[in-house]
Amino acid sequence: MKIVVAKTAGFCMGVRRAVDMVLDASNLSQEPIYTYGPLIHNPQVLAMLEEKKIFRIDKIPEKGSGIVLIRAHGVPPEDEKALKHAGFMVINATCPRVVRVQVIIDEYAQKGYSTIIIGDEKHPEVVGLLGYAKGKGHTITTMEQLCTLPEYEAAVVVAQTTQDTVFYDEIKAWCKTNAPHYKIFDTICGSTEKRQAEIRKLAGENDAVIVVGGMQSGNTKRLAQIASGTGKLVTHIEDVSQIDYGKLSSARSVAITAGASTPNWIINDACREIENNLQHQHGVKAFLFFVRDFLLKTNIMAAAGAGFLTYACSILQGIARDFHHALIATLYILSMQILNNLFTIKSDKYNHPQRAVFYKKNKFYLWTLAILSGSAGLYLSFLAGALSFFILFVMSLLGLSYNLKIFSFKSKKGTVARIKDIPGSKTILITIAWGTVTCLLPAMANQSGLMSVTMVCLFAMGLVFARTAFFDILAIQGDRITGKETLPTLLGEKRSFEIIQYVLLVDMGIIIFTILTNVLAIKALFFAFIPLMMLLLIRFFKNNSLISGVHREFVIEFSFIATGLLAAVI
């Protein structure tokens, strides 16, 4: 069974902007926060907003207080004025693409033009657009309705930003032939065009299509309609519980797409569930997927990667095959990763729903494993020396206190009470912790040269930084919801990707530099392939969402195991 995920699936720019604006308002303000109408058409996102005490109002009261966000669809101008008059602080989260259409309609309405809107008159976006037409707006959803309209002396023609591009092309062609004096504007969002073009292509190439998104979402329903037009089996769902796997059993390939208001965590959850259910038909594949998921959910894969990286760092520094410190690193990372996941089940609800369920169900066993592995790591570090034990003990205390309220001061981002509240702290501290246990502890025990230790440590930390920042990018939506201050939430996805790429390029440069300066042996050149491989993989994953999130996570984690395997054979 082949599962293909559309590149364009998920939040569009306008929806992401609206959600970010309401989350920023929630994280930074103590005032009551409301949205005027549903912020977007997705029930899970709306439920999430209610959990964060962000409620919606559907009618404008005479008097009010707090913050009101205007939804991504926009509202009539008189509604925005009424909200301000009632006493609310209004934040306009209207999608910029919709604002452009509002401006066009308003400009020509002031000149006396009639407005013809290609869209559903009951859709919130169209309701808002009609408010700018000064009583001379008309909506149509079929060619027959257009033909029945009188010929206006002056009119502008615009489309709802999520309208079907093929249908709008027919409208434009009719107008050019029958009403050439009408001013026609291309107002369908570029994201919508790409989304619709891709689903037409994917539907033609695959046996079945699953469209994930709210049942009230216009653009999601349109994707399902377009896919259905190809004659393939199409299922529109809001969550994976609605899938009829019996119907999909005969399909050899399934394409998954999602509406512009569907968050990443729902798409990822759908992919995992569909993959797991469909692969159950194949015993060997089902077992392999089970093992992969178990290793990732329990963090055994990450811990093993730390051990293999420690072994590689030892080889690079000329230390004899140091399995002792490799085991220390494995145990420490396993303990800290499990504890971090136990403390962050709330954000995992969005980023890794299956892992959140797994941790809730097996909380006792995971706590036990975290305590035992952490204790074993401390014992082994004690055997390695007092200094190693002291450093690992301090690092363990810092790891345990990461999610605890230990201080309190105000910042521009709100109250900072825990280490995790410090912007970018997670990405940086994980990088430092891995660098310490994988390189510095073995170096201190074996008294390695300062230059080699420095270069190898920077190399290891570069790999860990790229891994951690990349995973943070994948989890950015859930982290924003829970207020987690990772590097991508601070800098944005684009800048974070750029930094990751620069760090990996520097990592390759470090290896080459150390060889040219005779700090490391010539065989160290092989290790330059590890950051190169990670760079190529991350660039590929960035531009190609056809690979599911769990596959991406597995491949990146395996890069660290590959580092140790490379060290073992050179």
Protein backbone atom coordinates (compact mmCIF):
# COMPACT_ATOMS: atom_id res chain seq x y z
CA MET A 1 0.00 0.00 0.00
CA LYS A 2 1.43 3.34 -1.08
CA ILE A 3 0.41 6.47 0.84
CA VAL A 4 1.06 9.88 -0.72
CA VAL A 5 0.64 13.16 1.17
CA ALA A 6 -0.06 16.32 -0.83
CA LYS A 7 2.67 18.96 -0.62
CA THR A 8 0.05 21.69 -0.24
CA ALA A 9 -1.94 19.99 2.54
CA GLY A 10 -2.54 22.03 5.68
CA PHE A 11 -2.60 25.62 6.84
CA CYS A 12 -2.40 28.28 4.18
CA MET A 13 -0.66 31.58 4.90
CA GLY A 14 -3.87 33.39 5.90
CA VAL A 15 -5.03 30.70 8.31
CA ARG A 16 -1.58 30.29 9.86
CA ARG A 17 -1.41 34.07 10.33
CA ALA A 18 -4.83 34.19 12.01
CA VAL A 19 -4.03 31.29 14.35
CA ASP A 20 -0.63 32.78 15.22
CA MET A 21 -2.25 36.14 15.98
CA VAL A 22 -4.83 34.68 18.35
CA LEU A 23 -2.22 32.50 20.08
CA ASP A 24 0.15 35.46 20.49
CA ALA A 25 -2.70 37.50 21.97
CA SER A 26 -3.52 34.63 24.36
CA ASN A 27 0.09 34.11 25.45
CA LEU A 28 0.84 37.82 25.96
CA SER A 29 -2.39 39.30 27.30
CA GLN A 30 -4.31 38.78 30.53
CA GLU A 31 -7.50 40.30 29.09
CA PRO A 32 -10.46 38.19 27.94
CA ILE A 33 -10.00 37.10 24.32
CA TYR A 34 -12.73 36.33 21.82
CA THR A 35 -13.07 35.67 18.13
CA TYR A 36 -15.96 37.18 16.20
CA GLY A 37 -17.45 34.04 14.75
CA PRO A 38 -15.32 30.90 14.29
CA LEU A 39 -11.71 31.93 13.61
CA ILE A 40 -11.40 29.24 10.92
CA HIS A 41 -13.55 26.30 9.79
CA ASN A 42 -11.91 23.48 11.73
CA PRO A 43 -13.59 21.92 14.79
CA GLN A 44 -10.35 20.68 16.39
CA VAL A 45 -8.73 24.11 16.21
CA LEU A 46 -11.86 25.73 17.64
CA ALA A 47 -11.88 23.20 20.49
CA MET A 48 -8.21 23.95 21.12
CA LEU A 49 -8.96 27.68 21.32
CA GLU A 50 -11.69 27.03 23.90
CA GLU A 51 -9.19 25.01 25.97
CA LYS A 52 -7.02 28.13 26.00
CA LYS A 53 -10.02 30.21 27.17
CA ILE A 54 -10.45 31.85 23.78
CA PHE A 55 -14.17 31.94 23.13
CA ARG A 56 -16.25 33.12 20.20
CA ILE A 57 -19.04 35.65 20.05
CA ASP A 58 -21.57 35.53 17.23
CA LYS A 59 -23.44 38.72 18.08
CA ILE A 60 -22.02 42.11 18.92
CA PRO A 61 -23.09 43.23 22.43
CA GLU A 62 -23.86 46.82 23.29
CA LYS A 63 -20.93 46.86 25.70
CA GLY A 64 -17.92 44.64 25.94
CA SER A 65 -14.30 44.48 27.10
CA GLY A 66 -11.21 42.54 26.17
CA ILE A 67 -9.77 41.60 22.81
CA VAL A 68 -11.75 40.46 19.78
CA LEU A 69 -10.07 38.96 16.72
CA ILE A 70 -11.72 39.25 13.35
CA ARG A 71 -11.52 35.88 11.68
CA ALA A 72 -9.47 35.02 8.61
CA HIS A 73 -12.56 35.24 6.39
CA GLY A 74 -13.07 38.93 7.20
CA VAL A 75 -16.28 40.75 8.18
CA PRO A 76 -18.35 43.63 6.80
CA PRO A 77 -16.78 47.00 7.72
CA GLU A 78 -19.79 47.99 9.81
CA ASP A 79 -19.22 44.95 12.07
CA GLU A 80 -15.64 46.00 12.78
CA LYS A 81 -16.81 49.51 13.66
CA ALA A 82 -19.55 48.11 15.92
CA LEU A 83 -17.04 45.95 17.80
CA LYS A 84 -14.83 48.96 18.48
CA HIS A 85 -17.84 51.05 19.48
CA ALA A 86 -18.86 48.36 21.98
CA GLY A 87 -15.51 48.80 23.74
CA PHE A 88 -13.47 45.89 22.42
CA MET A 89 -9.87 46.12 21.33
CA VAL A 90 -10.10 44.76 17.78
CA ILE A 91 -7.32 42.76 16.12
CA ASN A 92 -7.98 42.22 12.43
CA ALA A 93 -6.83 38.73 11.44
CA THR A 94 -8.42 38.87 7.98
CA CYS A 95 -6.31 37.02 5.43
CA PRO A 96 -4.30 39.53 3.32
CA ARG A 97 -5.60 37.81 0.17
CA VAL A 98 -9.17 38.53 1.32
CA VAL A 99 -8.22 42.10 2.23
CA ARG A 100 -7.08 42.62 -1.36
CA VAL A 101 -10.53 41.61 -2.63
CA GLN A 102 -12.18 43.89 -0.07
CA VAL A 103 -10.07 46.80 -1.30
CA ILE A 104 -10.97 46.12 -4.94
CA ILE A 105 -14.70 46.00 -4.19
CA ASP A 106 -14.58 49.10 -1.98
CA GLU A 107 -12.61 51.11 -4.55
CA TYR A 108 -15.03 50.41 -7.41
CA ALA A 109 -18.16 50.57 -5.25
CA GLN A 110 -17.25 54.18 -4.44
CA LYS A 111 -17.24 54.84 -8.20
CA GLY A 112 -20.73 53.39 -8.54
CA TYR A 113 -19.77 49.97 -9.93
CA SER A 114 -21.86 46.88 -9.22
CA THR A 115 -20.00 43.89 -7.80
CA ILE A 116 -20.42 40.29 -8.96
CA ILE A 117 -18.91 37.82 -6.50
CA ILE A 118 -18.40 34.22 -7.59
CA GLY A 119 -19.07 32.45 -4.33
CA ASP A 120 -21.62 31.22 -1.80
CA GLU A 121 -23.52 34.19 -0.37
CA LYS A 122 -23.74 32.44 3.03
CA HIS A 123 -19.99 31.83 3.29
CA PRO A 124 -18.39 34.15 5.89
CA GLU A 125 -15.84 35.49 3.41
CA VAL A 126 -18.55 36.40 0.88
CA VAL A 127 -20.72 37.95 3.61
CA GLY A 128 -17.77 40.17 4.50
CA LEU A 129 -17.09 41.07 0.85
CA LEU A 130 -20.71 42.06 0.29
CA GLY A 131 -20.33 44.56 3.10
CA TYR A 132 -17.93 46.57 0.91
CA ALA A 133 -20.21 46.63 -2.16
CA LYS A 134 -22.42 49.45 -0.80
CA GLY A 135 -25.63 47.56 -1.50
CA LYS A 136 -24.75 46.74 -5.11
CA GLY A 137 -23.25 43.29 -4.59
CA HIS A 138 -24.48 40.09 -6.24
CA THR A 139 -23.37 36.49 -5.66
CA ILE A 140 -23.52 33.56 -8.06
CA THR A 141 -22.53 29.92 -7.78
CA THR A 142 -23.54 28.65 -11.24
CA MET A 143 -23.25 29.77 -14.83
CA GLU A 144 -27.05 29.84 -15.04
CA GLN A 145 -27.22 32.42 -12.26
CA LEU A 146 -24.70 34.60 -14.09
CA CYS A 147 -26.76 34.48 -17.27
CA THR A 148 -29.90 35.59 -15.44
CA LEU A 149 -28.25 38.72 -14.02
CA PRO A 150 -29.01 41.96 -15.86
CA GLU A 151 -26.17 43.50 -17.84
CA TYR A 152 -24.76 46.24 -15.64
CA GLU A 153 -23.42 49.46 -17.06
CA ALA A 154 -20.32 49.10 -14.90
CA ALA A 155 -19.35 46.07 -12.84
CA VAL A 156 -16.41 44.30 -11.33
CA VAL A 157 -16.14 40.51 -11.17
CA VAL A 158 -14.24 38.87 -8.32
CA ALA A 159 -14.10 35.35 -6.90
CA GLN A 160 -14.17 34.03 -3.39
CA THR A 161 -10.48 33.34 -2.68
CA THR A 162 -11.12 29.58 -2.35
CA GLN A 163 -13.30 29.25 -5.46
CA ASP A 164 -12.81 26.46 -8.02
CA THR A 165 -10.26 27.76 -10.53
CA VAL A 166 -11.77 25.83 -13.45
CA PHE A 167 -15.24 27.24 -12.78
CA TYR A 168 -13.88 30.78 -12.48
CA ASP A 169 -12.07 30.37 -15.80
CA GLU A 170 -15.46 29.58 -17.36
CA ILE A 171 -16.93 32.70 -15.75
CA LYS A 172 -14.11 34.87 -17.08
CA ALA A 173 -14.49 33.44 -20.58
CA TRP A 174 -18.26 34.13 -20.56
CA CYS A 175 -17.72 37.72 -19.39
CA LYS A 176 -15.12 38.43 -22.08
CA THR A 177 -17.60 37.29 -24.73
CA ASN A 178 -20.88 38.63 -23.35
CA ALA A 179 -19.87 41.55 -21.15
CA PRO A 180 -16.42 42.70 -22.26
CA HIS A 181 -16.79 46.01 -20.39
CA TYR A 182 -16.81 44.22 -16.99
CA LYS A 183 -13.60 44.54 -15.01
CA ILE A 184 -12.43 41.05 -14.06
CA PHE A 185 -9.94 40.42 -11.27
CA ASP A 186 -8.05 37.20 -10.52
CA THR A 187 -8.71 36.93 -6.80
CA ILE A 188 -8.44 33.20 -6.19
CA CYS A 189 -5.60 32.65 -3.73
CA GLY A 190 -2.41 31.20 -5.19
CA SER A 191 -2.43 28.58 -2.44
CA THR A 192 -5.92 27.51 -3.50
CA GLU A 193 -4.84 27.18 -7.13
CA LYS A 194 -1.85 25.01 -6.22
CA ARG A 195 -3.94 22.91 -3.86
CA GLN A 196 -6.61 22.26 -6.48
CA ALA A 197 -4.11 21.56 -9.26
CA GLU A 198 -2.25 19.09 -7.04
CA ILE A 199 -5.37 17.18 -5.98
CA ARG A 200 -6.44 16.81 -9.62
CA LYS A 201 -3.02 15.32 -10.37
CA LEU A 202 -2.92 13.08 -7.29
CA ALA A 203 -6.46 11.83 -7.81
CA GLY A 204 -5.51 10.80 -11.32
CA GLU A 205 -2.39 8.96 -10.14
CA ASN A 206 -3.85 7.11 -7.13
CA ASP A 207 -6.70 4.70 -6.47
CA ALA A 208 -8.32 6.61 -3.60
CA VAL A 209 -8.24 10.08 -2.04
CA ILE A 210 -8.76 11.09 1.59
CA VAL A 211 -9.51 14.76 2.22
CA VAL A 212 -8.95 15.85 5.83
CA GLY A 213 -10.67 18.96 7.13
CA GLY A 214 -13.77 20.58 8.61
CA MET A 215 -17.12 19.69 7.09
CA GLN A 216 -17.99 23.41 7.09
CA SER A 217 -14.79 24.44 5.32
CA GLY A 218 -15.55 25.66 1.81
CA ASN A 219 -12.08 25.03 0.40
CA THR A 220 -11.94 21.53 1.93
CA LYS A 221 -15.33 20.57 0.48
CA ARG A 222 -14.16 21.90 -2.89
CA LEU A 223 -11.08 19.68 -2.79
CA ALA A 224 -13.33 16.69 -2.19
CA GLN A 225 -15.59 17.74 -5.08
CA ILE A 226 -12.64 18.15 -7.45
CA ALA A 227 -11.23 14.74 -6.48
CA SER A 228 -14.67 13.14 -6.91
CA GLY A 229 -14.82 14.56 -10.41
CA THR A 230 -12.00 12.20 -11.42
CA GLY A 231 -14.18 9.18 -10.65
CA LYS A 232 -11.89 7.89 -7.89
CA LEU A 233 -12.98 6.81 -4.41
CA VAL A 234 -13.00 9.96 -2.26
CA THR A 235 -13.53 10.24 1.50
CA HIS A 236 -13.89 13.57 3.32
CA ILE A 237 -13.19 13.24 7.04
CA GLU A 238 -12.71 15.51 10.04
CA ASP A 239 -10.75 12.87 11.97
CA VAL A 240 -9.45 9.37 11.29
CA SER A 241 -12.27 7.66 13.21
CA GLN A 242 -14.54 8.38 10.23
CA ILE A 243 -12.53 6.31 7.74
CA ASP A 244 -14.08 3.15 6.32
CA TYR A 245 -11.01 0.96 5.86
CA GLY A 246 -13.10 -1.71 4.16
CA LYS A 247 -13.60 0.59 1.20
CA LEU A 248 -9.88 1.30 1.03
CA SER A 249 -8.78 -2.33 1.26
CA SER A 250 -8.67 -2.78 -2.51
CA ALA A 251 -6.73 0.43 -3.15
CA ARG A 252 -3.06 0.02 -4.00
CA SER A 253 -2.31 3.71 -3.41
CA VAL A 254 -4.01 6.41 -1.35
CA ALA A 255 -3.50 10.17 -1.67
CA ILE A 256 -4.06 12.33 1.41
CA THR A 257 -4.74 16.05 1.20
CA ALA A 258 -6.18 18.58 3.61
CA GLY A 259 -7.95 21.90 3.56
CA ALA A 260 -6.30 25.25 4.26
CA SER A 261 -7.70 25.25 7.80
CA THR A 262 -6.43 21.79 8.77
CA PRO A 263 -3.45 21.88 11.18
CA ASN A 264 -0.38 19.70 10.73
CA TRP A 265 -1.00 17.59 13.81
CA ILE A 266 -4.32 16.35 12.41
CA ILE A 267 -2.75 15.54 9.03
CA ASN A 268 0.16 13.71 10.70
CA ASP A 269 -2.20 11.80 12.98
CA ALA A 270 -4.34 10.80 9.99
CA CYS A 271 -1.27 9.60 8.09
CA ARG A 272 -0.05 7.49 11.01
CA GLU A 273 -3.46 5.94 11.63
CA ILE A 274 -4.10 5.22 7.96
CA GLU A 275 -0.62 3.79 7.51
CA ASN A 276 -0.91 1.57 10.58
CA ASN A 277 -4.38 0.28 9.67
CA LEU A 278 -3.65 -0.39 6.02
CA GLN A 279 -0.28 -1.99 6.68
CA HIS A 280 -1.90 -4.50 9.05
CA GLN A 281 -2.78 -6.40 5.90
CA HIS A 282 0.93 -7.17 5.46
CA GLY A 283 2.40 -9.02 8.45
CA VAL A 284 6.09 -8.19 7.94
CA LYS A 285 5.46 -4.52 7.15
CA ALA A 286 3.08 -4.21 10.08
CA PHE A 287 5.73 -5.63 12.43
CA LEU A 288 8.45 -3.32 11.09
CA PHE A 289 6.21 -0.28 11.47
CA PHE A 290 5.35 -1.35 15.01
CA VAL A 291 9.04 -1.65 15.91
CA ARG A 292 9.84 1.71 14.30
CA ASP A 293 7.03 3.48 16.15
CA PHE A 294 7.95 1.81 19.46
CA LEU A 295 11.59 2.88 19.18
CA LEU A 296 10.58 6.46 18.41
CA LYS A 297 7.81 6.78 21.01
CA THR A 298 9.96 5.38 23.82
CA ASN A 299 12.96 7.50 22.70
CA ILE A 300 15.09 4.36 22.54
CA MET A 301 16.02 5.39 18.99
CA ALA A 302 17.22 8.82 20.14
CA ALA A 303 19.12 7.32 23.08
CA ALA A 304 20.81 4.78 20.82
CA GLY A 305 21.77 7.62 18.49
CA ALA A 306 23.45 9.41 21.41
CA GLY A 307 25.43 6.28 22.25
CA PHE A 308 26.57 5.77 18.66
CA LEU A 309 27.52 9.46 18.39
CA THR A 310 29.57 9.17 21.59
CA TYR A 311 31.43 6.23 20.13
CA ALA A 312 32.11 8.20 16.94
CA CYS A 313 33.40 11.20 18.91
CA SER A 314 35.75 8.94 20.83
CA ILE A 315 37.16 7.49 17.63
CA LEU A 316 37.62 10.97 16.16
CA GLN A 317 39.60 12.03 19.26
CA GLY A 318 41.81 8.95 19.05
CA ILE A 319 40.30 7.36 22.16
CA ALA A 320 40.20 3.59 22.29
CA ARG A 321 36.77 2.13 21.62
CA ASP A 322 34.95 3.73 24.57
CA PHE A 323 31.76 1.73 25.12
CA HIS A 324 31.57 2.86 28.76
CA HIS A 325 30.81 6.51 27.92
CA ALA A 326 28.63 5.48 25.00
CA LEU A 327 26.43 3.62 27.49
CA ILE A 328 26.42 6.63 29.86
CA ALA A 329 25.23 8.88 27.04
CA THR A 330 22.55 6.37 26.01
CA LEU A 331 21.17 6.07 29.54
CA TYR A 332 21.26 9.81 30.25
CA ILE A 333 19.55 10.80 26.99
CA LEU A 334 16.94 8.05 27.40
CA SER A 335 16.09 9.29 30.89
CA MET A 336 15.91 12.98 29.95
CA GLN A 337 13.94 12.39 26.76
CA ILE A 338 11.33 10.26 28.53
CA LEU A 339 11.00 12.77 31.36
CA ASN A 340 10.62 15.62 28.89
CA ASN A 341 7.85 13.73 27.08
CA LEU A 342 6.11 12.94 30.36
CA PHE A 343 6.11 16.64 31.24
CA THR A 344 4.98 17.73 27.77
CA ILE A 345 2.03 15.43 27.11
CA LYS A 346 -0.06 18.60 26.64
CA SER A 347 1.88 19.71 23.56
CA ASP A 348 2.24 16.13 22.33
CA LYS A 349 -1.54 16.08 22.10
CA TYR A 350 -1.03 18.25 19.02
CA ASN A 351 2.44 17.30 17.77
CA HIS A 352 2.39 13.53 18.46
CA PRO A 353 -1.15 12.42 19.37
CA GLN A 354 -0.23 8.73 19.37
CA ARG A 355 2.79 9.33 21.58
CA ALA A 356 0.65 11.35 24.00
CA VAL A 357 -1.78 8.42 24.29
CA PHE A 358 1.13 5.99 24.70
CA TYR A 359 2.64 8.05 27.52
CA LYS A 360 -0.68 8.44 29.34
CA LYS A 361 -1.36 4.72 29.10
CA ASN A 362 2.14 3.64 30.19
CA LYS A 363 3.05 6.49 32.53
CA PHE A 364 4.12 4.25 35.45
CA TYR A 365 6.42 2.08 33.33
CA LEU A 366 7.95 5.09 31.59
CA TRP A 367 8.61 6.88 34.89
CA THR A 368 10.27 3.70 36.12
CA LEU A 369 12.39 3.38 32.99
CA ALA A 370 13.41 7.07 33.18
CA ILE A 371 14.46 6.79 36.84
CA LEU A 372 16.33 3.51 36.38
CA SER A 373 18.17 4.65 33.24
CA GLY A 374 19.07 7.99 34.81
CA SER A 375 20.33 6.30 37.98
CA ALA A 376 22.33 3.76 35.99
CA GLY A 377 23.90 6.55 33.95
CA LEU A 378 24.93 8.39 37.13
CA TYR A 379 26.41 5.20 38.60
CA LEU A 380 28.48 4.53 35.48
CA SER A 381 29.67 8.17 35.46
CA PHE A 382 30.72 7.76 39.11
CA LEU A 383 32.85 4.80 38.08
CA ALA A 384 34.43 6.99 35.38
CA GLY A 385 35.47 9.65 37.90
CA ALA A 386 34.21 12.22 40.39
CA LEU A 387 34.25 15.07 37.86
CA SER A 388 32.21 13.10 35.33
CA PHE A 389 29.70 12.20 38.03
CA PHE A 390 29.42 15.81 39.22
CA ILE A 391 28.84 17.16 35.69
CA LEU A 392 26.24 14.52 34.84
CA PHE A 393 24.53 15.03 38.21
CA VAL A 394 24.24 18.80 37.62
CA MET A 395 22.98 18.21 34.09
CA SER A 396 20.37 15.78 35.41
CA LEU A 397 19.16 18.35 37.94
CA LEU A 398 18.90 20.96 35.19
CA GLY A 399 17.01 18.51 33.02
CA LEU A 400 14.56 17.73 35.84
CA SER A 401 14.03 21.43 36.60
CA TYR A 402 13.48 22.36 32.94
CA ASN A 403 9.69 22.14 33.24
CA LEU A 404 9.41 23.23 36.89
CA LYS A 405 8.57 26.74 38.13
CA ILE A 406 11.74 27.82 39.90
CA PHE A 407 11.79 31.61 39.32
CA SER A 408 9.54 34.37 38.03
CA PHE A 409 10.20 37.54 36.07
CA LYS A 410 8.46 39.51 33.35
CA SER A 411 9.55 39.70 29.72
CA LYS A 412 8.10 40.94 26.46
CA LYS A 413 6.81 37.41 25.92
CA GLY A 414 5.02 37.35 29.27
CA THR A 415 5.94 35.74 32.59
CA VAL A 416 9.06 33.55 32.62
CA ALA A 417 8.86 31.04 35.46
CA ARG A 418 10.67 27.99 34.08
CA ILE A 419 13.77 27.34 32.02
CA LYS A 420 11.46 26.15 29.22
CA ASP A 421 9.89 29.64 29.08
CA ILE A 422 13.18 31.19 27.97
CA PRO A 423 12.98 31.75 24.18
CA GLY A 424 14.92 29.11 22.25
CA SER A 425 16.03 27.35 25.44
CA LYS A 426 14.94 23.85 24.41
CA THR A 427 16.95 23.81 21.18
CA ILE A 428 20.09 25.28 22.74
CA LEU A 429 20.08 23.28 25.99
CA ILE A 430 19.53 19.95 24.25
CA THR A 431 22.46 20.75 21.96
CA ILE A 432 24.72 21.57 24.93
CA ALA A 433 23.61 18.50 26.90
CA TRP A 434 24.28 16.13 24.01
CA GLY A 435 27.62 17.79 23.29
CA THR A 436 28.65 17.32 26.91
CA VAL A 437 27.77 13.62 27.28
CA THR A 438 28.83 12.56 23.79
CA CYS A 439 32.17 14.38 23.65
CA LEU A 440 33.31 16.24 26.77
CA LEU A 441 32.84 13.45 29.31
CA PRO A 442 34.85 10.90 27.29
CA ALA A 443 37.49 13.56 26.59
CA MET A 444 37.93 14.41 30.30
CA ALA A 445 38.26 10.76 31.26
CA ASN A 446 40.92 10.17 28.59
CA GLN A 447 42.66 13.60 28.72
CA SER A 448 42.29 14.31 25.01
CA GLY A 449 43.98 17.30 23.37
CA LEU A 450 42.18 20.64 23.70
CA MET A 451 42.05 21.36 19.97
CA SER A 452 40.69 17.96 19.01
CA VAL A 453 38.13 18.04 21.83
CA THR A 454 36.93 21.51 20.78
CA MET A 455 36.57 20.63 17.11
CA VAL A 456 34.90 17.27 17.70
CA CYS A 457 32.55 18.78 20.28
CA LEU A 458 31.51 21.53 17.84
CA PHE A 459 30.98 18.88 15.18
CA ALA A 460 28.74 16.78 17.44
CA MET A 461 26.79 19.81 18.68
CA GLY A 462 26.22 20.92 15.10
CA LEU A 463 24.58 17.59 14.24
CA VAL A 464 22.45 17.67 17.40
CA PHE A 465 21.40 21.28 16.81
CA ALA A 466 20.26 20.46 13.26
CA ARG A 467 18.30 17.43 14.50
CA THR A 468 16.62 19.27 17.36
CA ALA A 469 15.78 22.41 15.39
CA PHE A 470 14.35 20.33 12.54
CA PHE A 471 12.11 18.38 14.91
CA ASP A 472 11.05 21.69 16.48
CA ILE A 473 10.03 22.94 13.04
CA LEU A 474 7.87 19.84 12.54
CA ALA A 475 6.23 20.55 15.91
CA ILE A 476 5.91 24.32 15.54
CA GLN A 477 2.10 24.44 15.47
CA GLY A 478 1.67 22.43 18.64
CA ASP A 479 4.46 24.38 20.36
CA ARG A 480 2.80 27.70 19.51
CA ILE A 481 -0.49 26.44 20.91
CA THR A 482 1.09 25.44 24.22
CA GLY A 483 3.34 28.51 24.35
CA LYS A 484 6.57 26.50 24.11
CA GLU A 485 9.44 28.83 23.17
CA THR A 486 11.50 26.78 20.71
CA LEU A 487 13.86 28.33 18.19
CA PRO A 488 11.39 28.03 15.26
CA THR A 489 8.58 29.68 17.25
CA LEU A 490 11.02 32.50 17.98
CA LEU A 491 12.59 32.93 14.52
CA GLY A 492 10.04 31.35 12.19
CA GLU A 493 10.32 28.29 9.95
CA LYS A 494 12.19 29.95 7.08
CA ARG A 495 15.00 31.44 9.17
CA SER A 496 15.26 28.25 11.23
CA PHE A 497 15.74 26.17 8.07
CA GLU A 498 18.43 28.61 6.91
CA ILE A 499 20.27 28.38 10.23
CA ILE A 500 20.12 24.56 10.16
CA GLN A 501 21.65 24.51 6.70
CA TYR A 502 24.42 26.95 7.67
CA VAL A 503 25.24 24.90 10.79
CA LEU A 504 25.56 21.68 8.77
CA LEU A 505 27.76 23.44 6.21
CA VAL A 506 29.97 24.66 9.05
CA ASP A 507 30.04 21.09 10.40
CA MET A 508 31.47 19.87 7.10
CA GLY A 509 33.96 22.75 7.18
CA ILE A 510 35.10 21.74 10.68
CA ILE A 511 36.01 18.26 9.50
CA ILE A 512 37.90 19.59 6.49
CA PHE A 513 39.69 22.22 8.62
CA THR A 514 40.82 19.70 11.24
CA ILE A 515 42.24 17.44 8.54
CA LEU A 516 44.12 20.28 6.82
CA THR A 517 45.59 21.39 10.16
CA ASN A 518 46.45 17.78 11.17
CA VAL A 519 44.21 17.97 14.24
CA LEU A 520 42.41 14.85 13.07
CA ALA A 521 43.58 11.97 10.89
CA ILE A 522 42.74 11.89 7.17
CA LYS A 523 40.17 9.14 7.75
CA ALA A 524 38.03 11.72 9.59
CA LEU A 525 37.09 13.04 6.14
CA PHE A 526 34.47 10.28 5.93
CA PHE A 527 32.55 11.97 8.77
CA ALA A 528 31.90 15.00 6.56
CA PHE A 529 29.36 12.82 4.76
CA ILE A 530 27.14 12.73 7.87
CA PRO A 531 26.28 16.48 7.95
CA LEU A 532 26.11 16.40 4.14
CA MET A 533 23.61 13.56 4.30
CA MET A 534 21.56 15.39 6.96
CA LEU A 535 21.65 18.58 4.92
CA LEU A 536 20.36 16.82 1.81
CA LEU A 537 17.70 14.97 3.80
CA ILE A 538 16.43 18.09 5.56
CA ARG A 539 16.35 20.06 2.30
CA PHE A 540 14.43 17.19 0.70
CA PHE A 541 11.98 16.95 3.60
CA LYS A 542 11.47 20.72 3.55
CA ASN A 543 10.47 20.73 -0.11
CA ASN A 544 8.71 17.38 -0.19
CA SER A 545 5.93 16.56 2.25
CA LEU A 546 5.17 13.27 0.50
CA ILE A 547 7.17 11.65 3.30
CA SER A 548 5.18 11.28 6.52
CA GLY A 549 6.41 12.95 9.71
CA VAL A 550 7.24 9.67 11.44
CA HIS A 551 9.42 8.54 8.50
CA ARG A 552 11.30 11.85 8.61
CA GLU A 553 11.88 11.49 12.33
CA PHE A 554 13.16 7.93 11.93
CA VAL A 555 15.56 8.80 9.11
CA ILE A 556 17.08 11.77 10.96
CA GLU A 557 17.50 9.73 14.16
CA PHE A 558 19.16 6.97 12.15
CA SER A 559 21.75 9.50 10.94
CA PHE A 560 23.28 9.41 14.43
CA ILE A 561 23.41 5.63 14.44
CA ALA A 562 25.06 5.84 11.01
CA THR A 563 27.76 8.06 12.56
CA GLY A 564 28.68 5.33 15.03
CA LEU A 565 28.55 2.62 12.38
CA LEU A 566 30.89 4.67 10.20
CA ALA A 567 33.30 5.00 13.11
CA ALA A 568 33.25 1.24 13.61
CA VAL A 569 34.36 0.45 10.06
CA ILE A 570 37.03 3.07 9.35
